[in-house]
């Protein structure tokens, strides 16, 4: 009986300690943490703007990107019309080290329509991310798709170029979003949070799904005691992920 009572005390103490460690954030803090800081993921290039392809041999090729061939969402070939010779050239993805292309206007229009279709976006995302005139940066990475397939090289879009010094986040073309609801065709309420990315820290790159966020929290942020104290895993949500990566990097 004494042993059971002692165990109950330990359990109660542990639960109390856990509860005390949880941080309560103000509405202003939560609004800030829910702001989406990653770039939009784009898949269709603009054929009217000059793209840049840097091969593994160090050579640079510029031209108008007429097509990006994909298989199961991943790039396997890029076709451009050389800006100097005007001749069409096709590169296999495994030849390419980095690539910079501009998103097509058609895809940007589609992104704007999607943005306007969810009320939550108005408070958490910037519309300018969908209409960007900036170049989209792709980097060759060796990765296991969804942590299940054999490791292979893929050209992946970096979506946090402004704060990728420690943690690099890459667009998952097959990522799903959390669900919301709408009434009689009105804009959706809630939902719209992207559920997965490819994330690289150090030499490790993995597919990170929202359901696995807590399990990987220590790997991502655990080496910064000040950060962990301010944003402990029991107090943050997947919805804050872009903010957390930015703040951790800062």
C-alpha atoms as a PDB file:
ATOM      1  CA  UNK A   1       0.000   0.000   0.000  1.00  0.00           C
ATOM      2  CA  UNK A   2       2.818   2.362   0.913  1.00  0.00           C
ATOM      3  CA  UNK A   3       4.490   1.650  -2.434  1.00  0.00           C
ATOM      4  CA  UNK A   4       1.283   2.426  -4.339  1.00  0.00           C
ATOM      5  CA  UNK A   5       0.817   5.639  -2.376  1.00  0.00           C
ATOM      6  CA  UNK A   6       4.409   6.650  -3.095  1.00  0.00           C
ATOM      7  CA  UNK A   7       3.937   5.974  -6.819  1.00  0.00           C
ATOM      8  CA  UNK A   8       0.794   8.080  -6.837  1.00  0.00           C
ATOM      9  CA  UNK A   9       2.701  10.942  -5.221  1.00  0.00           C
ATOM     10  CA  UNK A  10       5.417  10.703  -7.842  1.00  0.00           C
ATOM     11  CA  UNK A  11       2.847  10.644 -10.668  1.00  0.00           C
ATOM     12  CA  UNK A  12       0.996  13.618  -9.210  1.00  0.00           C
ATOM     13  CA  UNK A  13       4.225  15.551  -8.726  1.00  0.00           C
ATOM     14  CA  UNK A  14       5.333  14.795 -12.279  1.00  0.00           C
ATOM     15  CA  UNK A  15       1.988  15.867 -13.698  1.00  0.00           C
ATOM     16  CA  UNK A  16       2.047  19.042 -11.645  1.00  0.00           C
ATOM     17  CA  UNK A  17       5.580  19.830 -12.779  1.00  0.00           C
ATOM     18  CA  UNK A  18       4.549  19.244 -16.411  1.00  0.00           C
ATOM     19  CA  UNK A  19       1.585  21.579 -16.018  1.00  0.00           C
ATOM     20  CA  UNK A  20       3.734  24.251 -14.419  1.00  0.00           C
ATOM     21  CA  UNK A  21       6.220  24.129 -17.291  1.00  0.00           C
ATOM     22  CA  UNK A  22       3.547  24.853 -19.869  1.00  0.00           C
ATOM     23  CA  UNK A  23       3.706  28.398 -21.204  1.00  0.00           C
ATOM     24  CA  UNK A  24       0.568  30.432 -21.773  1.00  0.00           C
ATOM     25  CA  UNK A  25       0.900  32.865 -24.651  1.00  0.00           C
ATOM     26  CA  UNK A  26      -1.041  36.060 -25.170  1.00  0.00           C
ATOM     27  CA  UNK A  27      -3.409  36.465 -28.125  1.00  0.00           C
ATOM     28  CA  UNK A  28      -0.846  38.758 -29.728  1.00  0.00           C
ATOM     29  CA  UNK A  29       1.878  36.128 -29.339  1.00  0.00           C
ATOM     30  CA  UNK A  30      -0.334  33.404 -30.806  1.00  0.00           C
ATOM     31  CA  UNK A  31      -1.252  35.586 -33.779  1.00  0.00           C
ATOM     32  CA  UNK A  32       2.445  36.198 -34.400  1.00  0.00           C
ATOM     33  CA  UNK A  33       3.316  32.504 -34.109  1.00  0.00           C
ATOM     34  CA  UNK A  34       0.514  31.490 -36.484  1.00  0.00           C
ATOM     35  CA  UNK A  35       1.802  33.802 -39.222  1.00  0.00           C
ATOM     36  CA  UNK A  36       3.058  31.702 -42.127  1.00  0.00           C
ATOM     37  CA  UNK A  37       6.634  32.722 -42.976  1.00  0.00           C
ATOM     38  CA  UNK A  38       7.593  30.116 -45.577  1.00  0.00           C
ATOM     39  CA  UNK A  39       7.411  30.862 -49.291  1.00  0.00           C
ATOM     40  CA  UNK A  40       4.680  29.303 -51.375  1.00  0.00           C
ATOM     41  CA  UNK A  41       5.488  26.096 -53.210  1.00  0.00           C
ATOM     42  CA  UNK A  42       5.405  26.440 -57.002  1.00  0.00           C
ATOM     43  CA  UNK A  43       5.691  23.763 -59.678  1.00  0.00           C
ATOM     44  CA  UNK A  44       5.087  25.551 -62.999  1.00  0.00           C
ATOM     45  CA  UNK A  45       7.870  27.768 -64.463  1.00  0.00           C
ATOM     46  CA  UNK A  46       7.393  31.012 -66.363  1.00  0.00           C
ATOM     47  CA  UNK A  47       8.579  30.605 -69.980  1.00  0.00           C
ATOM     48  CA  UNK A  48       8.993  34.380 -70.336  1.00  0.00           C
ATOM     49  CA  UNK A  49      11.635  34.976 -67.643  1.00  0.00           C
ATOM     50  CA  UNK A  50      15.243  33.853 -67.621  1.00  0.00           C
ATOM     51  CA  UNK A  51      15.927  30.771 -65.530  1.00  0.00           C
ATOM     52  CA  UNK A  52      19.354  29.798 -64.201  1.00  0.00           C
ATOM     53  CA  UNK A  53      20.618  26.235 -63.939  1.00  0.00           C
ATOM     54  CA  UNK A  54      23.891  25.404 -62.183  1.00  0.00           C
ATOM     55  CA  UNK A  55      25.228  21.950 -62.944  1.00  0.00           C
ATOM     56  CA  UNK A  56      27.312  19.788 -60.653  1.00  0.00           C
ATOM     57  CA  UNK A  57      30.331  20.409 -62.908  1.00  0.00           C
ATOM     58  CA  UNK A  58      30.118  24.111 -61.994  1.00  0.00           C
ATOM     59  CA  UNK A  59      28.814  25.351 -65.342  1.00  0.00           C
ATOM     60  CA  UNK A  60      25.920  27.824 -65.426  1.00  0.00           C
ATOM     61  CA  UNK A  61      23.202  27.844 -68.063  1.00  0.00           C
ATOM     62  CA  UNK A  62      20.606  30.578 -68.553  1.00  0.00           C
ATOM     63  CA  UNK A  63      17.512  30.394 -70.674  1.00  0.00           C
ATOM     64  CA  UNK A  64      13.746  30.386 -70.882  1.00  0.00           C
ATOM     65  CA  UNK A  65      12.311  27.369 -69.111  1.00  0.00           C
ATOM     66  CA  UNK A  66       9.772  25.762 -71.399  1.00  0.00           C
ATOM     67  CA  UNK A  67       9.056  22.698 -69.293  1.00  0.00           C
ATOM     68  CA  UNK A  68       9.797  20.929 -66.025  1.00  0.00           C
ATOM     69  CA  UNK A  69       9.082  17.215 -66.246  1.00  0.00           C
ATOM     70  CA  UNK A  70       7.988  15.568 -63.036  1.00  0.00           C
ATOM     71  CA  UNK A  71       7.312  12.041 -61.923  1.00  0.00           C
ATOM     72  CA  UNK A  72       5.319  11.439 -58.749  1.00  0.00           C
ATOM     73  CA  UNK A  73       5.691  15.126 -57.951  1.00  0.00           C
ATOM     74  CA  UNK A  74       9.492  15.169 -58.194  1.00  0.00           C
ATOM     75  CA  UNK A  75      11.509  16.853 -60.958  1.00  0.00           C
ATOM     76  CA  UNK A  76      13.449  14.556 -63.288  1.00  0.00           C
ATOM     77  CA  UNK A  77      14.179  16.827 -66.293  1.00  0.00           C
ATOM     78  CA  UNK A  78      14.304  20.553 -67.111  1.00  0.00           C
ATOM     79  CA  UNK A  79      14.069  21.980 -70.633  1.00  0.00           C
ATOM     80  CA  UNK A  80      15.214  25.497 -71.502  1.00  0.00           C
ATOM     81  CA  UNK A  81      15.847  27.551 -74.609  1.00  0.00           C
ATOM     82  CA  UNK A  82      19.382  28.869 -74.195  1.00  0.00           C
ATOM     83  CA  UNK A  83      19.360  32.663 -73.861  1.00  0.00           C
ATOM     84  CA  UNK A  84      22.440  33.022 -76.103  1.00  0.00           C
ATOM     85  CA  UNK A  85      22.253  30.251 -78.695  1.00  0.00           C
ATOM     86  CA  UNK A  86      18.419  30.053 -78.650  1.00  0.00           C
ATOM     87  CA  UNK A  87      18.794  26.272 -78.913  1.00  0.00           C
ATOM     88  CA  UNK A  88      16.653  23.977 -76.740  1.00  0.00           C
ATOM     89  CA  UNK A  89      18.574  22.123 -74.037  1.00  0.00           C
ATOM     90  CA  UNK A  90      17.346  19.473 -71.599  1.00  0.00           C
ATOM     91  CA  UNK A  91      19.057  18.603 -68.327  1.00  0.00           C
ATOM     92  CA  UNK A  92      18.394  15.587 -66.147  1.00  0.00           C
ATOM     93  CA  UNK A  93      17.693  16.525 -62.553  1.00  0.00           C
ATOM     94  CA  UNK A  94      20.609  14.465 -61.255  1.00  0.00           C
ATOM     95  CA  UNK A  95      22.988  16.657 -63.299  1.00  0.00           C
ATOM     96  CA  UNK A  96      21.791  19.818 -61.574  1.00  0.00           C
ATOM     97  CA  UNK A  97      23.209  21.257 -58.353  1.00  0.00           C
ATOM     98  CA  UNK A  98      20.926  24.292 -58.074  1.00  0.00           C
ATOM     99  CA  UNK A  99      18.220  25.898 -60.150  1.00  0.00           C
ATOM    100  CA  UNK A 100      16.446  29.257 -60.106  1.00  0.00           C
ATOM    101  CA  UNK A 101      13.163  29.675 -61.996  1.00  0.00           C
ATOM    102  CA  UNK A 102      10.262  32.110 -61.865  1.00  0.00           C
ATOM    103  CA  UNK A 103       6.704  30.902 -61.184  1.00  0.00           C
ATOM    104  CA  UNK A 104       4.199  31.134 -64.026  1.00  0.00           C
ATOM    105  CA  UNK A 105       1.407  33.719 -63.931  1.00  0.00           C
ATOM    106  CA  UNK A 106      -1.153  30.942 -64.330  1.00  0.00           C
ATOM    107  CA  UNK A 107      -0.005  29.235 -61.152  1.00  0.00           C
ATOM    108  CA  UNK A 108       0.171  32.548 -59.285  1.00  0.00           C
ATOM    109  CA  UNK A 109      -3.441  33.286 -60.234  1.00  0.00           C
ATOM    110  CA  UNK A 110      -4.455  29.837 -58.988  1.00  0.00           C
ATOM    111  CA  UNK A 111      -2.611  30.467 -55.713  1.00  0.00           C
ATOM    112  CA  UNK A 112      -4.426  33.793 -55.247  1.00  0.00           C
ATOM    113  CA  UNK A 113      -7.789  32.105 -55.822  1.00  0.00           C
ATOM    114  CA  UNK A 114      -6.918  29.473 -53.229  1.00  0.00           C
ATOM    115  CA  UNK A 115      -5.777  32.192 -50.811  1.00  0.00           C
ATOM    116  CA  UNK A 116      -9.075  34.041 -51.149  1.00  0.00           C
ATOM    117  CA  UNK A 117     -10.997  30.808 -50.552  1.00  0.00           C
ATOM    118  CA  UNK A 118      -9.968  30.493 -46.896  1.00  0.00           C
ATOM    119  CA  UNK A 119     -10.745  33.211 -44.346  1.00  0.00           C
ATOM    120  CA  UNK A 120      -7.928  31.981 -42.097  1.00  0.00           C
ATOM    121  CA  UNK A 121      -5.365  33.016 -44.721  1.00  0.00           C
ATOM    122  CA  UNK A 122      -6.236  36.687 -44.282  1.00  0.00           C
ATOM    123  CA  UNK A 123      -4.786  36.705 -40.778  1.00  0.00           C
ATOM    124  CA  UNK A 124      -1.919  34.259 -41.167  1.00  0.00           C
ATOM    125  CA  UNK A 125      -0.471  34.619 -44.669  1.00  0.00           C
ATOM    126  CA  UNK A 126       0.730  37.418 -46.915  1.00  0.00           C
ATOM    127  CA  UNK A 127      -0.914  37.566 -50.326  1.00  0.00           C
ATOM    128  CA  UNK A 128       2.380  38.793 -51.804  1.00  0.00           C
ATOM    129  CA  UNK A 129       3.811  35.300 -51.233  1.00  0.00           C
ATOM    130  CA  UNK A 130       1.371  34.052 -53.879  1.00  0.00           C
ATOM    131  CA  UNK A 131       2.116  36.790 -56.405  1.00  0.00           C
ATOM    132  CA  UNK A 132       5.878  36.875 -55.925  1.00  0.00           C
ATOM    133  CA  UNK A 133       8.180  38.024 -58.711  1.00  0.00           C
ATOM    134  CA  UNK A 134      11.163  36.490 -56.942  1.00  0.00           C
ATOM    135  CA  UNK A 135      13.095  33.514 -58.248  1.00  0.00           C
ATOM    136  CA  UNK A 136      12.238  30.095 -56.861  1.00  0.00           C
ATOM    137  CA  UNK A 137      15.307  28.285 -55.540  1.00  0.00           C
ATOM    138  CA  UNK A 138      15.713  24.536 -56.052  1.00  0.00           C
ATOM    139  CA  UNK A 139      18.576  22.561 -54.495  1.00  0.00           C
ATOM    140  CA  UNK A 140      19.719  19.007 -55.186  1.00  0.00           C
ATOM    141  CA  UNK A 141      19.179  16.904 -52.064  1.00  0.00           C
ATOM    142  CA  UNK A 142      19.502  13.206 -51.324  1.00  0.00           C
ATOM    143  CA  UNK A 143      16.361  12.160 -49.508  1.00  0.00           C
ATOM    144  CA  UNK A 144      14.016   9.268 -48.797  1.00  0.00           C
ATOM    145  CA  UNK A 145      10.537  10.242 -49.999  1.00  0.00           C
ATOM    146  CA  UNK A 146       8.170  10.145 -47.018  1.00  0.00           C
ATOM    147  CA  UNK A 147      10.988   8.383 -45.106  1.00  0.00           C
ATOM    148  CA  UNK A 148       9.985   5.138 -46.839  1.00  0.00           C
ATOM    149  CA  UNK A 149      11.697   5.028 -50.221  1.00  0.00           C
ATOM    150  CA  UNK A 150      15.321   4.417 -51.128  1.00  0.00           C
ATOM    151  CA  UNK A 151      17.541   7.503 -50.802  1.00  0.00           C
ATOM    152  CA  UNK A 152      17.730   9.340 -54.124  1.00  0.00           C
ATOM    153  CA  UNK A 153      18.708  12.750 -55.430  1.00  0.00           C
ATOM    154  CA  UNK A 154      15.888  15.215 -56.071  1.00  0.00           C
ATOM    155  CA  UNK A 155      15.646  18.892 -56.921  1.00  0.00           C
ATOM    156  CA  UNK A 156      13.640  20.349 -54.062  1.00  0.00           C
ATOM    157  CA  UNK A 157      12.271  23.857 -53.607  1.00  0.00           C
ATOM    158  CA  UNK A 158      13.717  25.709 -50.620  1.00  0.00           C
ATOM    159  CA  UNK A 159      10.850  27.619 -49.013  1.00  0.00           C
ATOM    160  CA  UNK A 160      12.702  29.419 -46.199  1.00  0.00           C
ATOM    161  CA  UNK A 161      15.638  31.016 -48.069  1.00  0.00           C
ATOM    162  CA  UNK A 162      15.687  34.039 -45.734  1.00  0.00           C
ATOM    163  CA  UNK A 163      16.294  31.892 -42.631  1.00  0.00           C
ATOM    164  CA  UNK A 164      17.730  28.567 -43.786  1.00  0.00           C
ATOM    165  CA  UNK A 165      21.159  28.896 -42.136  1.00  0.00           C
ATOM    166  CA  UNK A 166      20.496  26.133 -39.592  1.00  0.00           C
ATOM    167  CA  UNK A 167      17.268  24.431 -40.665  1.00  0.00           C
ATOM    168  CA  UNK A 168      16.331  24.207 -44.338  1.00  0.00           C
ATOM    169  CA  UNK A 169      12.696  23.549 -45.195  1.00  0.00           C
ATOM    170  CA  UNK A 170      11.654  22.180 -48.582  1.00  0.00           C
ATOM    171  CA  UNK A 171       8.267  22.095 -50.288  1.00  0.00           C
ATOM    172  CA  UNK A 172       6.424  18.787 -50.330  1.00  0.00           C
ATOM    173  CA  UNK A 173       4.414  18.743 -53.593  1.00  0.00           C
ATOM    174  CA  UNK A 174       2.114  16.065 -52.173  1.00  0.00           C
ATOM    175  CA  UNK A 175       1.502  17.711 -48.806  1.00  0.00           C
ATOM    176  CA  UNK A 176      -2.094  17.727 -47.620  1.00  0.00           C
ATOM    177  CA  UNK A 177      -3.744  20.462 -45.585  1.00  0.00           C
ATOM    178  CA  UNK A 178      -5.857  20.414 -42.453  1.00  0.00           C
ATOM    179  CA  UNK A 179      -9.570  20.551 -43.165  1.00  0.00           C
ATOM    180  CA  UNK A 180     -12.021  23.370 -42.521  1.00  0.00           C
ATOM    181  CA  UNK A 181     -15.639  23.985 -43.391  1.00  0.00           C
ATOM    182  CA  UNK A 182     -17.710  26.370 -45.472  1.00  0.00           C
ATOM    183  CA  UNK A 183     -21.404  27.212 -45.675  1.00  0.00           C
ATOM    184  CA  UNK A 184     -23.244  27.420 -48.991  1.00  0.00           C
ATOM    185  CA  UNK A 185     -20.070  27.977 -51.021  1.00  0.00           C
ATOM    186  CA  UNK A 186     -18.693  30.715 -48.756  1.00  0.00           C
ATOM    187  CA  UNK A 187     -14.914  30.966 -48.116  1.00  0.00           C
ATOM    188  CA  UNK A 188     -13.612  28.147 -45.941  1.00  0.00           C
ATOM    189  CA  UNK A 189     -13.343  28.688 -42.199  1.00  0.00           C
ATOM    190  CA  UNK A 190     -10.296  27.195 -40.489  1.00  0.00           C
ATOM    191  CA  UNK A 191      -8.011  24.508 -41.812  1.00  0.00           C
ATOM    192  CA  UNK A 192      -5.542  25.192 -44.598  1.00  0.00           C
ATOM    193  CA  UNK A 193      -2.444  24.359 -42.533  1.00  0.00           C
ATOM    194  CA  UNK A 194       0.109  22.395 -44.555  1.00  0.00           C
ATOM    195  CA  UNK A 195       0.720  19.007 -42.949  1.00  0.00           C
ATOM    196  CA  UNK A 196       4.224  18.097 -44.146  1.00  0.00           C
ATOM    197  CA  UNK A 197       7.575  19.363 -45.385  1.00  0.00           C
ATOM    198  CA  UNK A 198      11.034  18.010 -46.053  1.00  0.00           C
ATOM    199  CA  UNK A 199      13.358  19.373 -43.380  1.00  0.00           C
ATOM    200  CA  UNK A 200      17.147  19.366 -43.219  1.00  0.00           C
ATOM    201  CA  UNK A 201      19.314  20.051 -40.187  1.00  0.00           C
ATOM    202  CA  UNK A 202      23.006  19.262 -40.340  1.00  0.00           C
ATOM    203  CA  UNK A 203      23.486  16.174 -42.477  1.00  0.00           C
ATOM    204  CA  UNK A 204      20.023  14.774 -41.763  1.00  0.00           C
ATOM    205  CA  UNK A 205      17.083  15.405 -44.073  1.00  0.00           C
ATOM    206  CA  UNK A 206      13.685  13.890 -43.448  1.00  0.00           C
ATOM    207  CA  UNK A 207      10.032  14.098 -44.340  1.00  0.00           C
ATOM    208  CA  UNK A 208       8.357  15.780 -41.378  1.00  0.00           C
ATOM    209  CA  UNK A 209       4.618  15.296 -40.904  1.00  0.00           C
ATOM    210  CA  UNK A 210       2.591  17.220 -38.341  1.00  0.00           C
ATOM    211  CA  UNK A 211       1.847  13.961 -36.484  1.00  0.00           C
ATOM    212  CA  UNK A 212       5.591  13.459 -35.946  1.00  0.00           C
ATOM    213  CA  UNK A 213       6.384  17.029 -34.942  1.00  0.00           C
ATOM    214  CA  UNK A 214       6.507  16.415 -31.190  1.00  0.00           C
ATOM    215  CA  UNK A 215       8.729  13.339 -31.609  1.00  0.00           C
ATOM    216  CA  UNK A 216      11.234  15.389 -33.629  1.00  0.00           C
ATOM    217  CA  UNK A 217      11.041  18.575 -31.581  1.00  0.00           C
ATOM    218  CA  UNK A 218      14.225  17.832 -29.622  1.00  0.00           C
ATOM    219  CA  UNK A 219      16.182  17.067 -32.790  1.00  0.00           C
ATOM    220  CA  UNK A 220      15.084  20.345 -34.351  1.00  0.00           C
ATOM    221  CA  UNK A 221      15.287  22.721 -31.407  1.00  0.00           C
ATOM    222  CA  UNK A 222      16.568  20.818 -28.361  1.00  0.00           C
ATOM    223  CA  UNK A 223      20.146  22.117 -28.570  1.00  0.00           C
ATOM    224  CA  UNK A 224      19.020  25.661 -27.708  1.00  0.00           C
ATOM    225  CA  UNK A 225      18.073  25.805 -24.021  1.00  0.00           C
ATOM    226  CA  UNK A 226      16.857  29.396 -24.171  1.00  0.00           C
ATOM    227  CA  UNK A 227      14.556  28.601 -27.084  1.00  0.00           C
ATOM    228  CA  UNK A 228      13.189  25.430 -25.456  1.00  0.00           C
ATOM    229  CA  UNK A 229      12.405  27.341 -22.270  1.00  0.00           C
ATOM    230  CA  UNK A 230      10.504  30.010 -24.182  1.00  0.00           C
ATOM    231  CA  UNK A 231       8.789  27.582 -26.578  1.00  0.00           C
ATOM    232  CA  UNK A 232       8.586  24.171 -24.845  1.00  0.00           C
ATOM    233  CA  UNK A 233       7.139  21.301 -26.859  1.00  0.00           C
ATOM    234  CA  UNK A 234       4.082  21.041 -24.608  1.00  0.00           C
ATOM    235  CA  UNK A 235       3.145  24.654 -25.360  1.00  0.00           C
ATOM    236  CA  UNK A 236       3.566  24.965 -29.121  1.00  0.00           C
ATOM    237  CA  UNK A 237       1.646  23.569 -32.083  1.00  0.00           C
ATOM    238  CA  UNK A 238       2.436  22.467 -35.607  1.00  0.00           C
ATOM    239  CA  UNK A 239       0.603  25.606 -36.787  1.00  0.00           C
ATOM    240  CA  UNK A 240       3.567  27.609 -35.446  1.00  0.00           C
ATOM    241  CA  UNK A 241       6.230  25.661 -37.342  1.00  0.00           C
ATOM    242  CA  UNK A 242       7.446  28.378 -39.731  1.00  0.00           C
ATOM    243  CA  UNK A 243       7.660  30.865 -36.863  1.00  0.00           C
ATOM    244  CA  UNK A 244       9.553  28.391 -34.686  1.00  0.00           C
ATOM    245  CA  UNK A 245      12.142  27.703 -37.407  1.00  0.00           C
ATOM    246  CA  UNK A 246      12.592  31.445 -37.972  1.00  0.00           C
ATOM    247  CA  UNK A 247      12.844  32.261 -34.273  1.00  0.00           C
ATOM    248  CA  UNK A 248      15.220  29.346 -33.573  1.00  0.00           C
ATOM    249  CA  UNK A 249      17.471  30.521 -36.417  1.00  0.00           C
ATOM    250  CA  UNK A 250      17.404  34.086 -35.122  1.00  0.00           C
END
